[in-house]
C-alpha atoms as a PDB file:
ATOM      1  CA  UNK A   1      41.982  87.542 312.851  1.00  0.00           C
ATOM      2  CA  UNK A   2      38.377  87.344 313.092  1.00  0.00           C
ATOM      3  CA  UNK A   3      36.070  87.462 310.200  1.00  0.00           C
ATOM      4  CA  UNK A   4      32.145  88.475 308.454  1.00  0.00           C
ATOM      5  CA  UNK A   5      30.278  84.841 309.465  1.00  0.00           C
ATOM      6  CA  UNK A   6      26.225  83.926 308.588  1.00  0.00           C
ATOM      7  CA  UNK A   7      26.578  82.003 311.768  1.00  0.00           C
ATOM      8  CA  UNK A   8      22.831  80.406 310.545  1.00  0.00           C
ATOM      9  CA  UNK A   9      24.479  79.191 307.410  1.00  0.00           C
ATOM     10  CA  UNK A  10      27.834  78.805 308.056  1.00  0.00           C
ATOM     11  CA  UNK A  11      29.467  80.916 305.615  1.00  0.00           C
ATOM     12  CA  UNK A  12      32.534  82.963 306.414  1.00  0.00           C
ATOM     13  CA  UNK A  13      32.708  86.298 304.023  1.00  0.00           C
ATOM     14  CA  UNK A  14      36.364  87.777 303.541  1.00  0.00           C
ATOM     15  CA  UNK A  15      37.091  90.631 301.430  1.00  0.00           C
ATOM     16  CA  UNK A  16      39.245  90.650 298.334  1.00  0.00           C
ATOM     17  CA  UNK A  17      41.512  93.629 298.967  1.00  0.00           C
ATOM     18  CA  UNK A  18      44.805  95.480 296.859  1.00  0.00           C
ATOM     19  CA  UNK A  19      47.091  95.118 299.115  1.00  0.00           C
ATOM     20  CA  UNK A  20      49.494  97.311 296.835  1.00  0.00           C
ATOM     21  CA  UNK A  21      47.154 100.507 297.512  1.00  0.00           C
ATOM     22  CA  UNK A  22      46.666 102.135 300.934  1.00  0.00           C
ATOM     23  CA  UNK A  23      43.559 102.972 301.076  1.00  0.00           C
ATOM     24  CA  UNK A  24      42.142 100.329 298.614  1.00  0.00           C
ATOM     25  CA  UNK A  25      38.826  99.144 299.121  1.00  0.00           C
ATOM     26  CA  UNK A  26      37.185  96.107 298.363  1.00  0.00           C
ATOM     27  CA  UNK A  27      37.135  94.478 294.775  1.00  0.00           C
ATOM     28  CA  UNK A  28      35.188  91.790 295.731  1.00  0.00           C
ATOM     29  CA  UNK A  29      34.434  89.011 297.997  1.00  0.00           C
ATOM     30  CA  UNK A  30      35.061  84.854 299.312  1.00  0.00           C
ATOM     31  CA  UNK A  31      32.288  82.962 300.908  1.00  0.00           C
ATOM     32  CA  UNK A  32      33.382  80.082 302.036  1.00  0.00           C
ATOM     33  CA  UNK A  33      30.501  77.376 302.648  1.00  0.00           C
ATOM     34  CA  UNK A  34      32.481  75.108 306.079  1.00  0.00           C
ATOM     35  CA  UNK A  35      28.693  72.951 305.313  1.00  0.00           C
ATOM     36  CA  UNK A  36      29.427  71.760 301.806  1.00  0.00           C
ATOM     37  CA  UNK A  37      33.610  73.456 302.068  1.00  0.00           C
ATOM     38  CA  UNK A  38      32.401  75.907 299.154  1.00  0.00           C
ATOM     39  CA  UNK A  39      33.893  79.004 298.209  1.00  0.00           C
ATOM     40  CA  UNK A  40      33.023  81.438 295.943  1.00  0.00           C
ATOM     41  CA  UNK A  41      33.557  84.581 295.185  1.00  0.00           C
ATOM     42  CA  UNK A  42      31.197  87.931 293.956  1.00  0.00           C
ATOM     43  CA  UNK A  43      32.826  90.489 292.316  1.00  0.00           C
ATOM     44  CA  UNK A  44      31.557  93.986 293.853  1.00  0.00           C
ATOM     45  CA  UNK A  45      29.782  95.976 291.126  1.00  0.00           C
ATOM     46  CA  UNK A  46      31.453  99.196 291.292  1.00  0.00           C
ATOM     47  CA  UNK A  47      34.866  96.774 290.285  1.00  0.00           C
ATOM     48  CA  UNK A  48      37.129  97.933 287.573  1.00  0.00           C
ATOM     49  CA  UNK A  49      38.048  94.560 285.746  1.00  0.00           C
ATOM     50  CA  UNK A  50      41.198  96.295 285.780  1.00  0.00           C
ATOM     51  CA  UNK A  51      41.259  96.776 288.926  1.00  0.00           C
ATOM     52  CA  UNK A  52      40.407  92.938 290.111  1.00  0.00           C
ATOM     53  CA  UNK A  53      42.539  89.745 290.077  1.00  0.00           C
ATOM     54  CA  UNK A  54      44.004  88.416 287.296  1.00  0.00           C
ATOM     55  CA  UNK A  55      41.591  85.160 287.430  1.00  0.00           C
ATOM     56  CA  UNK A  56      38.547  87.744 288.011  1.00  0.00           C
ATOM     57  CA  UNK A  57      39.614  89.895 284.546  1.00  0.00           C
ATOM     58  CA  UNK A  58      37.690  87.587 282.590  1.00  0.00           C
ATOM     59  CA  UNK A  59      34.381  87.990 284.218  1.00  0.00           C
ATOM     60  CA  UNK A  60      33.616  90.876 285.256  1.00  0.00           C
ATOM     61  CA  UNK A  61      34.013  92.004 281.443  1.00  0.00           C
ATOM     62  CA  UNK A  62      31.390  89.778 280.264  1.00  0.00           C
ATOM     63  CA  UNK A  63      28.821  90.972 283.904  1.00  0.00           C
ATOM     64  CA  UNK A  64      29.250  88.003 285.500  1.00  0.00           C
ATOM     65  CA  UNK A  65      29.860  89.225 289.037  1.00  0.00           C
ATOM     66  CA  UNK A  66      29.023  85.217 290.960  1.00  0.00           C
ATOM     67  CA  UNK A  67      32.551  82.685 290.279  1.00  0.00           C
ATOM     68  CA  UNK A  68      31.589  79.828 291.448  1.00  0.00           C
ATOM     69  CA  UNK A  69      33.791  76.893 293.051  1.00  0.00           C
ATOM     70  CA  UNK A  70      35.472  75.995 290.975  1.00  0.00           C
ATOM     71  CA  UNK A  71      37.406  79.245 289.732  1.00  0.00           C
ATOM     72  CA  UNK A  72      37.222  80.967 293.362  1.00  0.00           C
ATOM     73  CA  UNK A  73      39.009  77.446 294.592  1.00  0.00           C
ATOM     74  CA  UNK A  74      42.066  77.898 291.500  1.00  0.00           C
ATOM     75  CA  UNK A  75      41.954  82.095 293.313  1.00  0.00           C
ATOM     76  CA  UNK A  76      42.438  80.645 296.447  1.00  0.00           C
ATOM     77  CA  UNK A  77      44.664  77.171 295.726  1.00  0.00           C
ATOM     78  CA  UNK A  78      47.441  80.739 293.956  1.00  0.00           C
ATOM     79  CA  UNK A  79      47.384  81.451 297.734  1.00  0.00           C
ATOM     80  CA  UNK A  80      48.082  78.571 299.878  1.00  0.00           C
ATOM     81  CA  UNK A  81      50.801  75.687 300.166  1.00  0.00           C
ATOM     82  CA  UNK A  82      49.324  72.381 298.531  1.00  0.00           C
ATOM     83  CA  UNK A  83      48.557  69.538 300.549  1.00  0.00           C
ATOM     84  CA  UNK A  84      51.118  67.565 298.820  1.00  0.00           C
ATOM     85  CA  UNK A  85      54.424  70.357 299.673  1.00  0.00           C
ATOM     86  CA  UNK A  86      56.863  67.726 301.687  1.00  0.00           C
ATOM     87  CA  UNK A  87      56.938  69.519 304.289  1.00  0.00           C
ATOM     88  CA  UNK A  88      53.277  70.160 305.354  1.00  0.00           C
ATOM     89  CA  UNK A  89      54.081  69.523 308.911  1.00  0.00           C
ATOM     90  CA  UNK A  90      55.553  72.225 309.782  1.00  0.00           C
ATOM     91  CA  UNK A  91      53.286  74.593 307.582  1.00  0.00           C
ATOM     92  CA  UNK A  92      50.833  73.396 309.495  1.00  0.00           C
ATOM     93  CA  UNK A  93      52.612  73.739 312.968  1.00  0.00           C
ATOM     94  CA  UNK A  94      54.112  77.062 311.681  1.00  0.00           C
ATOM     95  CA  UNK A  95      50.165  78.509 310.976  1.00  0.00           C
ATOM     96  CA  UNK A  96      49.002  76.927 314.339  1.00  0.00           C
ATOM     97  CA  UNK A  97      46.904  73.946 312.444  1.00  0.00           C
ATOM     98  CA  UNK A  98      46.171  71.144 313.541  1.00  0.00           C
ATOM     99  CA  UNK A  99      45.268  69.248 310.181  1.00  0.00           C
ATOM    100  CA  UNK A 100      45.309  70.515 306.239  1.00  0.00           C
ATOM    101  CA  UNK A 101      42.320  73.397 306.251  1.00  0.00           C
ATOM    102  CA  UNK A 102      42.520  75.537 302.705  1.00  0.00           C
ATOM    103  CA  UNK A 103      40.583  78.326 304.248  1.00  0.00           C
ATOM    104  CA  UNK A 104      42.275  78.900 307.796  1.00  0.00           C
ATOM    105  CA  UNK A 105      45.502  78.610 305.833  1.00  0.00           C
ATOM    106  CA  UNK A 106      44.382  81.545 303.663  1.00  0.00           C
ATOM    107  CA  UNK A 107      43.022  83.001 306.485  1.00  0.00           C
ATOM    108  CA  UNK A 108      46.898  82.327 308.100  1.00  0.00           C
ATOM    109  CA  UNK A 109      48.601  84.133 305.632  1.00  0.00           C
ATOM    110  CA  UNK A 110      46.375  87.044 304.808  1.00  0.00           C
ATOM    111  CA  UNK A 111      45.873  86.025 301.022  1.00  0.00           C
ATOM    112  CA  UNK A 112      49.361  87.214 299.510  1.00  0.00           C
ATOM    113  CA  UNK A 113      50.453  85.523 296.886  1.00  0.00           C
ATOM    114  CA  UNK A 114      54.352  86.777 295.113  1.00  0.00           C
ATOM    115  CA  UNK A 115      51.303  86.809 292.143  1.00  0.00           C
ATOM    116  CA  UNK A 116      49.910  90.045 292.759  1.00  0.00           C
ATOM    117  CA  UNK A 117      49.765  92.667 295.476  1.00  0.00           C
ATOM    118  CA  UNK A 118      45.696  91.637 296.186  1.00  0.00           C
ATOM    119  CA  UNK A 119      44.968  89.664 299.598  1.00  0.00           C
ATOM    120  CA  UNK A 120      42.215  88.529 302.168  1.00  0.00           C
ATOM    121  CA  UNK A 121      40.337  91.112 305.146  1.00  0.00           C
ATOM    122  CA  UNK A 122      37.861  91.209 307.801  1.00  0.00           C
ATOM    123  CA  UNK A 123      35.303  92.506 306.996  1.00  0.00           C
ATOM    124  CA  UNK A 124      35.978  94.482 309.856  1.00  0.00           C
ATOM    125  CA  UNK A 125      39.409  95.440 308.556  1.00  0.00           C
ATOM    126  CA  UNK A 126      37.597  97.750 305.669  1.00  0.00           C
ATOM    127  CA  UNK A 127      38.868 101.172 305.453  1.00  0.00           C
ATOM    128  CA  UNK A 128      35.116 102.447 307.781  1.00  0.00           C
ATOM    129  CA  UNK A 129      36.481 100.597 310.591  1.00  0.00           C
ATOM    130  CA  UNK A 130      39.963 101.160 310.058  1.00  0.00           C
ATOM    131  CA  UNK A 131      38.419 104.612 311.013  1.00  0.00           C
ATOM    132  CA  UNK A 132      37.045 104.088 313.416  1.00  0.00           C
ATOM    133  CA  UNK A 133      40.237 102.557 315.129  1.00  0.00           C
ATOM    134  CA  UNK A 134      41.580 105.184 314.796  1.00  0.00           C
ATOM    135  CA  UNK A 135      39.350 107.377 315.631  1.00  0.00           C
ATOM    136  CA  UNK A 136      39.209 105.968 318.862  1.00  0.00           C
ATOM    137  CA  UNK A 137      42.669 105.695 319.411  1.00  0.00           C
ATOM    138  CA  UNK A 138      42.513 110.001 319.466  1.00  0.00           C
ATOM    139  CA  UNK A 139      39.881 109.627 321.820  1.00  0.00           C
ATOM    140  CA  UNK A 140      42.020 107.907 324.296  1.00  0.00           C
ATOM    141  CA  UNK A 141      45.581 109.468 323.446  1.00  0.00           C
ATOM    142  CA  UNK A 142      42.817 113.271 324.203  1.00  0.00           C
ATOM    143  CA  UNK A 143      41.149 111.944 327.300  1.00  0.00           C
ATOM    144  CA  UNK A 144      44.780 110.646 328.528  1.00  0.00           C
ATOM    145  CA  UNK A 145      46.130 114.388 328.009  1.00  0.00           C
ATOM    146  CA  UNK A 146      43.918 116.698 329.381  1.00  0.00           C
ATOM    147  CA  UNK A 147      43.444 114.152 332.739  1.00  0.00           C
ATOM    148  CA  UNK A 148      47.159 115.188 332.435  1.00  0.00           C
ATOM    149  CA  UNK A 149      46.685 118.766 331.801  1.00  0.00           C
ATOM    150  CA  UNK A 150      48.631 119.264 329.741  1.00  0.00           C
ATOM    151  CA  UNK A 151      49.027 120.659 325.973  1.00  0.00           C
ATOM    152  CA  UNK A 152      49.217 118.940 322.528  1.00  0.00           C
ATOM    153  CA  UNK A 153      52.275 121.447 322.937  1.00  0.00           C
ATOM    154  CA  UNK A 154      53.827 119.623 326.095  1.00  0.00           C
ATOM    155  CA  UNK A 155      52.357 116.466 324.713  1.00  0.00           C
ATOM    156  CA  UNK A 156      54.871 116.697 321.715  1.00  0.00           C
ATOM    157  CA  UNK A 157      57.560 117.932 323.640  1.00  0.00           C
ATOM    158  CA  UNK A 158      57.436 115.132 325.695  1.00  0.00           C
ATOM    159  CA  UNK A 159      57.156 112.020 323.588  1.00  0.00           C
ATOM    160  CA  UNK A 160      60.060 113.971 321.244  1.00  0.00           C
ATOM    161  CA  UNK A 161      57.000 114.599 318.033  1.00  0.00           C
ATOM    162  CA  UNK A 162      55.723 117.199 316.871  1.00  0.00           C
ATOM    163  CA  UNK A 163      53.228 118.696 317.554  1.00  0.00           C
ATOM    164  CA  UNK A 164      51.129 117.971 314.262  1.00  0.00           C
ATOM    165  CA  UNK A 165      51.657 114.979 314.867  1.00  0.00           C
ATOM    166  CA  UNK A 166      49.594 115.135 318.191  1.00  0.00           C
ATOM    167  CA  UNK A 167      46.784 117.204 316.694  1.00  0.00           C
ATOM    168  CA  UNK A 168      46.101 114.545 314.101  1.00  0.00           C
ATOM    169  CA  UNK A 169      46.384 112.068 316.074  1.00  0.00           C
ATOM    170  CA  UNK A 170      43.661 112.898 318.327  1.00  0.00           C
ATOM    171  CA  UNK A 171      41.279 113.726 315.800  1.00  0.00           C
ATOM    172  CA  UNK A 172      42.037 109.891 314.482  1.00  0.00           C
ATOM    173  CA  UNK A 173      43.774 111.082 311.106  1.00  0.00           C
ATOM    174  CA  UNK A 174      46.557 109.105 311.924  1.00  0.00           C
ATOM    175  CA  UNK A 175      47.958 105.541 311.848  1.00  0.00           C
ATOM    176  CA  UNK A 176      50.236 106.134 314.578  1.00  0.00           C
ATOM    177  CA  UNK A 177      52.405 102.697 314.946  1.00  0.00           C
ATOM    178  CA  UNK A 178      52.953 101.155 318.374  1.00  0.00           C
ATOM    179  CA  UNK A 179      56.042 102.904 318.410  1.00  0.00           C
ATOM    180  CA  UNK A 180      55.331 106.216 318.528  1.00  0.00           C
ATOM    181  CA  UNK A 181      51.915 104.996 320.772  1.00  0.00           C
ATOM    182  CA  UNK A 182      54.141 103.722 323.441  1.00  0.00           C
ATOM    183  CA  UNK A 183      56.970 107.049 323.480  1.00  0.00           C
ATOM    184  CA  UNK A 184      52.640 109.108 324.109  1.00  0.00           C
ATOM    185  CA  UNK A 185      51.692 106.537 326.923  1.00  0.00           C
ATOM    186  CA  UNK A 186      55.676 107.131 328.619  1.00  0.00           C
ATOM    187  CA  UNK A 187      54.700 110.809 327.902  1.00  0.00           C
ATOM    188  CA  UNK A 188      51.643 110.879 329.910  1.00  0.00           C
ATOM    189  CA  UNK A 189      52.891 108.703 332.626  1.00  0.00           C
ATOM    190  CA  UNK A 190      50.696 106.077 331.467  1.00  0.00           C
ATOM    191  CA  UNK A 191      51.232 102.341 330.077  1.00  0.00           C
ATOM    192  CA  UNK A 192      50.437 101.456 326.971  1.00  0.00           C
ATOM    193  CA  UNK A 193      48.430  98.094 326.766  1.00  0.00           C
ATOM    194  CA  UNK A 194      46.643  96.481 323.027  1.00  0.00           C
ATOM    195  CA  UNK A 195      43.748  94.742 322.468  1.00  0.00           C
ATOM    196  CA  UNK A 196      42.898  92.460 319.503  1.00  0.00           C
ATOM    197  CA  UNK A 197      38.949  91.933 319.853  1.00  0.00           C
ATOM    198  CA  UNK A 198      36.472  89.252 318.557  1.00  0.00           C
END
Protein backbone atom coordinates (compact mmCIF):
# COMPACT_ATOMS: atom_id res chain seq x y z
CA UNK A 1 0.00 0.00 0.00
CA UNK A 2 1.42 3.33 -0.91
CA UNK A 3 0.74 6.38 1.18
CA UNK A 4 1.29 10.10 1.31
CA UNK A 5 4.77 10.96 2.42
CA UNK A 6 6.94 14.01 2.96
CA UNK A 7 10.40 12.52 2.43
CA UNK A 8 12.18 15.64 3.64
CA UNK A 9 10.80 15.42 7.15
CA UNK A 10 9.95 11.68 7.28
CA UNK A 11 6.23 12.15 7.95
CA UNK A 12 3.77 9.72 6.41
CA UNK A 13 0.10 10.60 6.13
CA UNK A 14 -2.93 8.34 5.78
CA UNK A 15 -6.59 9.27 5.43
CA UNK A 16 -9.04 8.01 8.05
CA UNK A 17 -12.26 6.98 6.30
CA UNK A 18 -15.52 5.35 7.35
CA UNK A 19 -15.07 2.01 5.59
CA UNK A 20 -18.74 1.21 6.06
CA UNK A 21 -19.72 3.95 3.62
CA UNK A 22 -18.95 3.16 0.01
CA UNK A 23 -18.18 6.72 -1.08
CA UNK A 24 -17.04 8.21 2.21
CA UNK A 25 -14.61 11.09 2.11
CA UNK A 26 -11.79 11.25 4.66
CA UNK A 27 -12.82 12.68 8.03
CA UNK A 28 -9.30 12.96 9.42
CA UNK A 29 -5.66 12.31 8.62
CA UNK A 30 -3.28 10.17 10.61
CA UNK A 31 0.32 11.33 10.51
CA UNK A 32 3.31 9.30 11.58
CA UNK A 33 6.69 10.91 12.14
CA UNK A 34 9.16 8.06 11.63
CA UNK A 35 12.09 10.01 13.03
CA UNK A 36 10.35 10.89 16.28
CA UNK A 37 8.21 7.74 16.40
CA UNK A 38 5.10 9.82 17.09
CA UNK A 39 1.56 9.82 15.78
CA UNK A 40 -0.84 12.72 15.39
CA UNK A 41 -4.30 13.10 13.91
CA UNK A 42 -5.67 16.11 12.09
CA UNK A 43 -9.46 16.24 12.05
CA UNK A 44 -10.62 17.78 8.79
CA UNK A 45 -12.48 21.09 9.33
CA UNK A 46 -15.64 20.00 7.49
CA UNK A 47 -15.94 16.69 9.40
CA UNK A 48 -19.10 16.34 11.46
CA UNK A 49 -18.30 15.06 14.98
CA UNK A 50 -20.88 12.29 14.53
CA UNK A 51 -19.00 11.03 11.48
CA UNK A 52 -15.71 10.56 13.33
CA UNK A 53 -14.30 7.62 15.27
CA UNK A 54 -15.66 7.76 18.82
CA UNK A 55 -12.27 8.61 20.32
CA UNK A 56 -12.04 11.73 18.12
CA UNK A 57 -15.58 13.06 18.67
CA UNK A 58 -14.82 14.97 21.90
CA UNK A 59 -11.91 16.77 20.24
CA UNK A 60 -14.09 17.88 17.32
CA UNK A 61 -16.91 19.00 19.63
CA UNK A 62 -14.41 21.24 21.48
CA UNK A 63 -13.12 22.59 18.17
CA UNK A 64 -9.73 20.92 18.62
CA UNK A 65 -8.67 19.71 15.19
CA UNK A 66 -5.15 18.58 16.14
CA UNK A 67 -4.83 15.44 18.26
CA UNK A 68 -1.40 14.75 19.74
CA UNK A 69 0.60 11.56 20.12
CA UNK A 70 -1.02 10.25 23.32
CA UNK A 71 -4.56 10.06 21.93
CA UNK A 72 -3.54 9.35 18.34
CA UNK A 73 -1.44 6.43 19.58
CA UNK A 74 -4.43 5.11 21.55
CA UNK A 75 -6.48 5.14 18.36
CA UNK A 76 -3.71 3.23 16.54
CA UNK A 77 -3.29 0.73 19.39
CA UNK A 78 -7.02 -0.13 19.19
CA UNK A 79 -6.31 -1.35 15.65
CA UNK A 80 -3.16 -3.43 15.97
CA UNK A 81 -2.02 -6.45 17.95
CA UNK A 82 -0.20 -5.53 21.15
CA UNK A 83 3.53 -6.20 21.48
CA UNK A 84 2.73 -8.49 24.43
CA UNK A 85 0.68 -10.93 22.34
CA UNK A 86 1.84 -14.53 22.82
CA UNK A 87 1.87 -15.47 19.13
CA UNK A 88 3.38 -12.16 18.04
CA UNK A 89 6.04 -13.86 15.92
CA UNK A 90 3.35 -15.60 13.87
CA UNK A 91 1.42 -12.35 13.46
CA UNK A 92 4.51 -10.50 12.28
CA UNK A 93 5.42 -13.29 9.85
CA UNK A 94 1.87 -13.36 8.46
CA UNK A 95 2.16 -9.63 7.78
CA UNK A 96 5.63 -9.87 6.24
CA UNK A 97 7.34 -8.04 9.10
CA UNK A 98 10.60 -8.91 10.84
CA UNK A 99 10.13 -6.52 13.76
CA UNK A 100 7.22 -5.06 15.67
CA UNK A 101 6.33 -1.76 13.97
CA UNK A 102 3.05 -0.11 14.98
CA UNK A 103 2.72 1.86 11.76
CA UNK A 104 3.45 -1.11 9.48
CA UNK A 105 1.00 -3.30 11.42
CA UNK A 106 -1.63 -0.59 11.05
CA UNK A 107 -1.03 -0.52 7.30
CA UNK A 108 -1.12 -4.31 7.02
CA UNK A 109 -4.57 -4.41 8.63
CA UNK A 110 -5.75 -1.21 6.91
CA UNK A 111 -6.53 0.16 10.36
CA UNK A 112 -9.53 -2.15 10.75
CA UNK A 113 -11.00 -2.64 14.21
CA UNK A 114 -13.88 -4.65 15.63
CA UNK A 115 -15.00 -1.45 17.42
CA UNK A 116 -16.02 0.55 14.35
CA UNK A 117 -15.97 0.70 10.54
CA UNK A 118 -13.10 3.17 10.17
CA UNK A 119 -10.03 2.28 8.12
CA UNK A 120 -6.88 4.02 6.96
CA UNK A 121 -6.19 4.60 3.28
CA UNK A 122 -3.35 6.00 1.31
CA UNK A 123 -4.12 9.48 0.13
CA UNK A 124 -3.74 8.18 -3.41
CA UNK A 125 -6.78 5.97 -2.77
CA UNK A 126 -9.09 8.94 -2.25
CA UNK A 127 -12.42 9.01 -4.14
CA UNK A 128 -10.84 11.26 -6.79
CA UNK A 129 -7.97 8.80 -7.29
CA UNK A 130 -10.38 5.86 -7.50
CA UNK A 131 -12.41 7.76 -10.10
CA UNK A 132 -9.20 8.31 -12.06
CA UNK A 133 -8.46 4.58 -11.94
CA UNK A 134 -11.98 3.76 -13.16
CA UNK A 135 -11.52 6.24 -16.01
CA UNK A 136 -8.19 4.65 -17.01
CA UNK A 137 -9.71 1.16 -16.99
CA UNK A 138 -12.69 2.39 -19.02
CA UNK A 139 -10.44 4.08 -21.57
CA UNK A 140 -8.37 0.90 -21.93
CA UNK A 141 -11.49 -1.21 -22.50
CA UNK A 142 -12.87 1.27 -25.04
CA UNK A 143 -9.57 1.39 -26.92
CA UNK A 144 -9.26 -2.42 -27.01
CA UNK A 145 -12.88 -2.73 -28.20
CA UNK A 146 -12.31 -0.21 -30.99
CA UNK A 147 -9.10 -1.94 -32.02
CA UNK A 148 -11.07 -5.20 -32.21
CA UNK A 149 -13.54 -3.40 -34.48
CA UNK A 150 -16.65 -4.33 -32.49
CA UNK A 151 -19.50 -2.38 -30.94
CA UNK A 152 -20.35 -2.17 -27.26
CA UNK A 153 -23.35 -4.42 -27.93
CA UNK A 154 -21.14 -7.07 -29.54
CA UNK A 155 -18.64 -6.92 -26.69
CA UNK A 156 -21.48 -7.29 -24.19
CA UNK A 157 -22.86 -10.31 -26.08
CA UNK A 158 -19.45 -12.00 -26.18
CA UNK A 159 -18.78 -11.30 -22.49
CA UNK A 160 -22.29 -12.35 -21.42
CA UNK A 161 -23.20 -9.01 -19.88
CA UNK A 162 -25.59 -6.14 -20.62
CA UNK A 163 -24.52 -3.46 -23.07
CA UNK A 164 -25.29 -0.86 -20.38
CA UNK A 165 -22.53 -2.37 -18.23
CA UNK A 166 -20.01 -1.94 -21.06
CA UNK A 167 -21.16 1.64 -21.58
CA UNK A 168 -20.83 2.52 -17.88
CA UNK A 169 -17.46 0.80 -17.70
CA UNK A 170 -16.08 2.69 -20.70
CA UNK A 171 -17.31 6.00 -19.23
CA UNK A 172 -15.50 5.26 -15.94
CA UNK A 173 -18.75 4.97 -14.01
CA UNK A 174 -18.47 1.31 -12.96
CA UNK A 175 -16.49 -0.52 -10.30
CA UNK A 176 -15.64 -3.66 -12.24
CA UNK A 177 -14.51 -6.84 -10.57
CA UNK A 178 -11.40 -8.63 -11.74
CA UNK A 179 -13.69 -11.43 -12.94
CA UNK A 180 -15.69 -9.04 -15.12
CA UNK A 181 -12.52 -7.54 -16.58
CA UNK A 182 -11.18 -11.05 -17.27
CA UNK A 183 -14.43 -11.90 -19.12
CA UNK A 184 -14.14 -8.71 -21.16
CA UNK A 185 -10.48 -9.38 -21.94
CA UNK A 186 -11.35 -12.89 -23.10
CA UNK A 187 -14.20 -11.55 -25.24
CA UNK A 188 -11.70 -9.17 -26.85
CA UNK A 189 -9.12 -11.91 -27.37
CA UNK A 190 -6.75 -10.22 -24.94
CA UNK A 191 -5.12 -11.13 -21.67
CA UNK A 192 -5.75 -9.24 -18.46
CA UNK A 193 -2.75 -7.88 -16.57
CA UNK A 194 -2.97 -5.95 -13.32
CA UNK A 195 -0.26 -3.54 -12.19
CA UNK A 196 -0.05 -2.23 -8.64
CA UNK A 197 2.24 0.78 -8.84
CA UNK A 198 3.99 2.50 -5.94
